[in-house]
Each structure stands twice: as structure tokens, then as C-alpha cells.
Amino acid sequence: MAMSAREIEELIRAALPDASITIEDLAGDGDHYAAHVVSSAFVGKSRVQQHQIVYDALRGRMGGQLHALALQTSAPSST
């Protein structure tokens, strides 16, 4: 069963309420997405730690309901 972009965004937002989230369905099949997530929760975290926070927010759906997620994460710029 595929996930919608909205479901992915809701799960991430529940874990990272301040996040700016952009989700794109790469193949139009509900299985292959790209996500860009910017959150203050990522300040001082390595890229691996940032990605782990997002994967944890998806509550085990990676590899099941969600086949592939190309992930870009960052902390807000301080400009």
C-alpha cells in the first residue's frame, strides 16, 4: 500500500513542528518520493543524524508502505 505525500508530510510535521517540508512524488506511483526538510531540530546535528530524525518520524514505514525517499535536510540559515 503506497503512501501519499500528505501522509509523509504529516508524519514529519508531527515530529518536527517547525519544519519547512517539500515533498515531491518522483514517479507518480506513491512509492518514490523526494523530501526537503528544514528544521531547527537539525542545528548541530550531522547529516546522518538529521536523516535518522526524519526516518524515525516515518515510524517504520520505510521499506514497506514507502519504498524510496530521496532526502535532503538542513538547519535554517542564519541570514
Protein backbone atom coordinates (compact mmCIF):
# COMPACT_ATOMS: atom_id res chain seq x y z
CA MET A 1 0.00 0.00 0.00
CA ALA A 2 1.51 3.31 -1.11
CA MET A 3 1.69 6.49 0.95
CA SER A 4 0.57 9.92 -0.14
CA ALA A 5 2.82 12.97 0.02
CA ARG A 6 0.39 14.42 2.54
CA GLU A 7 0.79 11.41 4.86
CA ILE A 8 4.57 11.72 4.70
CA GLU A 9 4.41 15.43 5.46
CA GLU A 10 2.01 14.89 8.39
CA LEU A 11 4.31 12.29 9.98
CA ILE A 12 7.36 14.51 9.61
CA ARG A 13 5.48 17.57 10.88
CA ALA A 14 4.30 15.65 13.97
CA ALA A 15 7.95 15.04 14.89
CA LEU A 16 9.28 18.40 13.67
CA PRO A 17 6.51 21.00 14.11
CA ASP A 18 8.70 23.92 12.98
CA ALA A 19 9.85 22.21 9.79
CA SER A 20 9.58 23.56 6.30
CA ILE A 21 8.74 20.47 4.25
CA THR A 22 8.57 19.94 0.50
CA ILE A 23 7.54 16.52 -0.83
CA GLU A 24 7.69 15.50 -4.49
CA ASP A 25 6.33 12.25 -5.96
CA LEU A 26 9.17 11.31 -8.30
CA ALA A 27 7.50 8.54 -10.27
CA GLY A 28 3.79 9.27 -9.82
CA ASP A 29 3.35 5.88 -8.17
CA GLY A 30 3.13 6.86 -4.49
CA ASP A 31 6.26 4.80 -3.75
CA HIS A 32 9.17 7.04 -4.80
CA TYR A 33 9.43 10.47 -3.20
CA ALA A 34 11.92 13.25 -2.65
CA ALA A 35 11.69 15.30 0.52
CA HIS A 36 13.42 18.51 1.52
CA VAL A 37 13.14 19.21 5.25
CA VAL A 38 14.48 22.30 7.03
CA SER A 39 14.18 22.34 10.83
CA SER A 40 15.84 23.98 13.81
CA ALA A 41 15.99 20.48 15.33
CA PHE A 42 18.86 19.80 12.91
CA VAL A 43 21.14 22.51 14.34
CA GLY A 44 24.40 20.93 15.45
CA LYS A 45 23.44 17.52 14.04
CA SER A 46 25.37 15.62 11.37
CA ARG A 47 23.62 14.84 8.08
CA VAL A 48 23.25 11.21 9.18
CA GLN A 49 21.63 12.30 12.45
CA GLN A 50 19.29 14.64 10.57
CA HIS A 51 18.19 11.85 8.25
CA GLN A 52 17.70 9.49 11.19
CA ILE A 53 15.33 12.00 12.82
CA VAL A 54 13.23 12.06 9.64
CA TYR A 55 13.28 8.26 9.25
CA ASP A 56 12.24 7.88 12.90
CA ALA A 57 9.34 10.25 12.22
CA LEU A 58 8.12 7.88 9.48
CA ARG A 59 7.55 5.22 12.16
CA GLY A 60 8.84 2.17 10.32
CA ARG A 61 7.08 2.82 7.03
CA MET A 62 10.34 2.98 5.04
CA GLY A 63 10.77 -0.20 3.02
CA GLY A 64 7.11 -1.09 3.46
CA GLN A 65 4.47 1.49 2.61
CA LEU A 66 7.19 3.85 1.43
CA HIS A 67 9.65 2.24 -0.96
CA ALA A 68 12.09 5.09 -1.61
CA LEU A 69 12.71 8.56 -0.18
CA ALA A 70 15.45 10.83 -1.53
CA LEU A 71 16.09 13.04 1.46
CA GLN A 72 17.67 16.47 1.77
CA THR A 73 17.82 18.01 5.24
CA SER A 74 19.24 21.20 6.69
CA ALA A 75 19.01 23.61 9.57
CA PRO A 76 17.56 27.06 8.82
CA SER A 77 20.14 29.52 7.54
CA SER A 78 21.05 32.29 9.93
CA THR A 79 20.98 35.09 7.40
